[in-house]
Structures are given as structure tokens and as C-alpha cells.
């Protein structure tokens, strides 16, 4: 059914946006404490999703919707086809988990540095 295909593609897009937020959200959080805490929570979720035994709920939702959509050959969905490759690359799961967690830890380091700079800024 076409509805399930559209919903699966929508979940894939949300998944990509979440990944982009986790990777690039530190840029938007400077001097925005509420966003900063939301981003830190997203980073921690990213680490747990990578190294924990639980699958990402977005991945489960997408798989469930694709299963309901039935088998469909790759057709005109060029963007979706390549989005899927970007989100689920053909890399060893262990390497992907280490790399993803490493990126999240580096970005947490950016937040830690910002906290330190704010606490030790002149005039405070």
C-alpha cells in the first residue's frame, strides 16, 4: 500500500533530521541554554542508541512501515534511496557504533568547553 511507503519515507526523513541535529546541533545551541540541554540529551541518546542493546525506535518504525508496504523495487525515489544509504551505510556495525559514539563524545566535549568558558569568563 502506498500509504505505508510514504510513512516509511517520512520516518526516514525524521531519522535523518535527528542525526543532523545530533551532529550539528552544537552550532545552534550557543547562548541558548534550553536548546543546549536538549542537544546534550540528544547526544547521550545517540551514544546509548549506538552502544546499547536497544534498537532505535525510528529504525523499528521505519522497518515496520516498510514491511507493511510490501516489496517494492527501487523506482523514482532517488533522494529516499540515497538517504537510506546515508543513514544505514554498508559498514560493520561495530565500527559504526564506535564512530558514532566518538562523534557524540567529541561534541559533548564542545559543550563541556563552553560550560568551562562561561564559568571562567572575565567579569563573573
C-alpha atoms as a PDB file:
ATOM      1  CA  UNK A   1       0.000   0.000   0.000  1.00  0.00           C
ATOM      2  CA  UNK A   2       1.312   3.438  -0.938  1.00  0.00           C
ATOM      3  CA  UNK A   3       0.389   4.996   2.454  1.00  0.00           C
ATOM      4  CA  UNK A   4       2.906   2.811   4.277  1.00  0.00           C
ATOM      5  CA  UNK A   5       5.631   3.668   1.755  1.00  0.00           C
ATOM      6  CA  UNK A   6       5.039   7.388   2.282  1.00  0.00           C
ATOM      7  CA  UNK A   7       5.011   6.979   6.055  1.00  0.00           C
ATOM      8  CA  UNK A   8       8.238   4.939   5.936  1.00  0.00           C
ATOM      9  CA  UNK A   9       9.892   7.661   3.850  1.00  0.00           C
ATOM     10  CA  UNK A  10       8.657  10.289   6.311  1.00  0.00           C
ATOM     11  CA  UNK A  11      10.161   8.365   9.223  1.00  0.00           C
ATOM     12  CA  UNK A  12      13.415   8.072   7.253  1.00  0.00           C
ATOM     13  CA  UNK A  13      13.453  11.855   6.790  1.00  0.00           C
ATOM     14  CA  UNK A  14      12.796  12.433  10.508  1.00  0.00           C
ATOM     15  CA  UNK A  15      15.621   9.992  11.239  1.00  0.00           C
ATOM     16  CA  UNK A  16      17.992  11.967   9.021  1.00  0.00           C
ATOM     17  CA  UNK A  17      16.964  15.245  10.665  1.00  0.00           C
ATOM     18  CA  UNK A  18      17.604  13.747  14.105  1.00  0.00           C
ATOM     19  CA  UNK A  19      21.044  12.557  13.015  1.00  0.00           C
ATOM     20  CA  UNK A  20      21.838  16.011  11.621  1.00  0.00           C
ATOM     21  CA  UNK A  21      20.649  17.599  14.896  1.00  0.00           C
ATOM     22  CA  UNK A  22      22.903  15.283  16.905  1.00  0.00           C
ATOM     23  CA  UNK A  23      25.910  16.054  14.702  1.00  0.00           C
ATOM     24  CA  UNK A  24      25.357  19.769  14.032  1.00  0.00           C
ATOM     25  CA  UNK A  25      23.109  20.908  16.879  1.00  0.00           C
ATOM     26  CA  UNK A  26      26.062  22.299  18.848  1.00  0.00           C
ATOM     27  CA  UNK A  27      26.182  25.137  16.315  1.00  0.00           C
ATOM     28  CA  UNK A  28      22.624  26.270  17.113  1.00  0.00           C
ATOM     29  CA  UNK A  29      22.964  25.965  20.894  1.00  0.00           C
ATOM     30  CA  UNK A  30      25.481  28.710  21.639  1.00  0.00           C
ATOM     31  CA  UNK A  31      23.947  31.043  24.249  1.00  0.00           C
ATOM     32  CA  UNK A  32      20.700  29.080  24.190  1.00  0.00           C
ATOM     33  CA  UNK A  33      20.600  27.064  27.429  1.00  0.00           C
ATOM     34  CA  UNK A  34      17.336  25.231  26.768  1.00  0.00           C
ATOM     35  CA  UNK A  35      18.452  24.117  23.320  1.00  0.00           C
ATOM     36  CA  UNK A  36      21.861  23.202  24.749  1.00  0.00           C
ATOM     37  CA  UNK A  37      20.326  20.802  27.269  1.00  0.00           C
ATOM     38  CA  UNK A  38      18.085  19.313  24.613  1.00  0.00           C
ATOM     39  CA  UNK A  39      21.138  18.783  22.405  1.00  0.00           C
ATOM     40  CA  UNK A  40      23.146  17.221  25.238  1.00  0.00           C
ATOM     41  CA  UNK A  41      20.228  14.839  25.836  1.00  0.00           C
ATOM     42  CA  UNK A  42      20.209  14.029  22.125  1.00  0.00           C
ATOM     43  CA  UNK A  43      23.944  13.301  22.216  1.00  0.00           C
ATOM     44  CA  UNK A  44      23.522  10.985  25.194  1.00  0.00           C
ATOM     45  CA  UNK A  45      20.650   9.263  23.391  1.00  0.00           C
ATOM     46  CA  UNK A  46      22.895   8.885  20.332  1.00  0.00           C
ATOM     47  CA  UNK A  47      25.570   7.168  22.408  1.00  0.00           C
ATOM     48  CA  UNK A  48      23.036   4.859  24.084  1.00  0.00           C
ATOM     49  CA  UNK A  49      21.460   4.041  20.712  1.00  0.00           C
ATOM     50  CA  UNK A  50      24.870   3.167  19.272  1.00  0.00           C
ATOM     51  CA  UNK A  51      26.322   1.075  22.082  1.00  0.00           C
ATOM     52  CA  UNK A  52      23.206  -0.132  23.883  1.00  0.00           C
ATOM     53  CA  UNK A  53      21.353  -3.344  23.161  1.00  0.00           C
ATOM     54  CA  UNK A  54      18.182  -1.492  22.160  1.00  0.00           C
ATOM     55  CA  UNK A  55      17.382  -0.577  18.574  1.00  0.00           C
ATOM     56  CA  UNK A  56      16.427   2.983  17.716  1.00  0.00           C
ATOM     57  CA  UNK A  57      12.631   3.430  17.778  1.00  0.00           C
ATOM     58  CA  UNK A  58      12.797   5.308  14.470  1.00  0.00           C
ATOM     59  CA  UNK A  59      14.550   2.360  12.840  1.00  0.00           C
ATOM     60  CA  UNK A  60      11.910  -0.014  14.220  1.00  0.00           C
ATOM     61  CA  UNK A  61       9.091   2.232  12.992  1.00  0.00           C
ATOM     62  CA  UNK A  62      10.636   2.514   9.547  1.00  0.00           C
ATOM     63  CA  UNK A  63      11.153  -1.249   9.275  1.00  0.00           C
ATOM     64  CA  UNK A  64       7.599  -1.929  10.413  1.00  0.00           C
ATOM     65  CA  UNK A  65       6.192   0.511   7.860  1.00  0.00           C
ATOM     66  CA  UNK A  66       8.367  -0.890   5.055  1.00  0.00           C
ATOM     67  CA  UNK A  67       7.208  -4.390   5.920  1.00  0.00           C
ATOM     68  CA  UNK A  68       3.567  -3.253   5.699  1.00  0.00           C
ATOM     69  CA  UNK A  69       4.266  -1.505   2.375  1.00  0.00           C
ATOM     70  CA  UNK A  70       5.299  -4.801   0.819  1.00  0.00           C
ATOM     71  CA  UNK A  71       8.142  -5.443  -1.576  1.00  0.00           C
ATOM     72  CA  UNK A  72       8.735  -2.517  -3.878  1.00  0.00           C
ATOM     73  CA  UNK A  73      11.586  -2.203  -6.338  1.00  0.00           C
ATOM     74  CA  UNK A  74      13.727   0.928  -6.295  1.00  0.00           C
ATOM     75  CA  UNK A  75      11.991   3.367  -8.572  1.00  0.00           C
ATOM     76  CA  UNK A  76      11.850   7.139  -8.792  1.00  0.00           C
ATOM     77  CA  UNK A  77      12.654   7.775  -5.106  1.00  0.00           C
ATOM     78  CA  UNK A  78      16.218   8.886  -5.834  1.00  0.00           C
ATOM     79  CA  UNK A  79      16.516  11.078  -2.748  1.00  0.00           C
ATOM     80  CA  UNK A  80      14.995   8.464  -0.444  1.00  0.00           C
ATOM     81  CA  UNK A  81      17.221   5.756  -1.925  1.00  0.00           C
ATOM     82  CA  UNK A  82      20.355   7.761  -1.125  1.00  0.00           C
ATOM     83  CA  UNK A  83      19.037   8.967   2.215  1.00  0.00           C
ATOM     84  CA  UNK A  84      18.724   5.345   3.208  1.00  0.00           C
ATOM     85  CA  UNK A  85      22.320   4.666   2.169  1.00  0.00           C
ATOM     86  CA  UNK A  86      23.477   7.662   4.231  1.00  0.00           C
ATOM     87  CA  UNK A  87      21.568   6.565   7.333  1.00  0.00           C
ATOM     88  CA  UNK A  88      22.324   2.858   7.011  1.00  0.00           C
ATOM     89  CA  UNK A  89      25.774   2.654   5.375  1.00  0.00           C
ATOM     90  CA  UNK A  90      27.341  -0.686   4.487  1.00  0.00           C
ATOM     91  CA  UNK A  91      29.847  -0.582   7.351  1.00  0.00           C
ATOM     92  CA  UNK A  92      30.494  -3.028  10.148  1.00  0.00           C
ATOM     93  CA  UNK A  93      28.031  -2.338  12.997  1.00  0.00           C
ATOM     94  CA  UNK A  94      30.899  -2.258  15.493  1.00  0.00           C
ATOM     95  CA  UNK A  95      32.851   0.352  13.512  1.00  0.00           C
ATOM     96  CA  UNK A  96      29.690   2.395  13.037  1.00  0.00           C
ATOM     97  CA  UNK A  97      28.896   2.244  16.773  1.00  0.00           C
ATOM     98  CA  UNK A  98      32.421   3.347  17.742  1.00  0.00           C
ATOM     99  CA  UNK A  99      32.488   6.130  15.162  1.00  0.00           C
ATOM    100  CA  UNK A 100      29.023   7.416  16.087  1.00  0.00           C
ATOM    101  CA  UNK A 101      29.797   7.317  19.796  1.00  0.00           C
ATOM    102  CA  UNK A 102      33.133   9.020  19.204  1.00  0.00           C
ATOM    103  CA  UNK A 103      31.495  11.875  17.318  1.00  0.00           C
ATOM    104  CA  UNK A 104      28.934  12.283  20.107  1.00  0.00           C
ATOM    105  CA  UNK A 105      31.703  12.335  22.738  1.00  0.00           C
ATOM    106  CA  UNK A 106      33.647  14.958  20.788  1.00  0.00           C
ATOM    107  CA  UNK A 107      30.572  17.162  20.595  1.00  0.00           C
ATOM    108  CA  UNK A 108      29.949  16.657  24.315  1.00  0.00           C
ATOM    109  CA  UNK A 109      33.498  17.960  24.721  1.00  0.00           C
ATOM    110  CA  UNK A 110      32.460  21.115  22.834  1.00  0.00           C
ATOM    111  CA  UNK A 111      29.636  21.617  25.324  1.00  0.00           C
ATOM    112  CA  UNK A 112      31.967  20.950  28.260  1.00  0.00           C
ATOM    113  CA  UNK A 113      34.401  23.554  26.945  1.00  0.00           C
ATOM    114  CA  UNK A 114      31.586  26.081  26.576  1.00  0.00           C
ATOM    115  CA  UNK A 115      30.447  25.431  30.159  1.00  0.00           C
ATOM    116  CA  UNK A 116      34.003  25.922  31.372  1.00  0.00           C
ATOM    117  CA  UNK A 117      34.438  29.145  29.384  1.00  0.00           C
ATOM    118  CA  UNK A 118      31.148  30.535  30.686  1.00  0.00           C
ATOM    119  CA  UNK A 119      32.078  29.762  34.296  1.00  0.00           C
ATOM    120  CA  UNK A 120      35.533  31.281  33.944  1.00  0.00           C
ATOM    121  CA  UNK A 121      34.663  34.265  31.762  1.00  0.00           C
ATOM    122  CA  UNK A 122      36.052  37.625  32.926  1.00  0.00           C
ATOM    123  CA  UNK A 123      33.584  39.634  34.976  1.00  0.00           C
ATOM    124  CA  UNK A 124      31.822  36.678  36.596  1.00  0.00           C
END
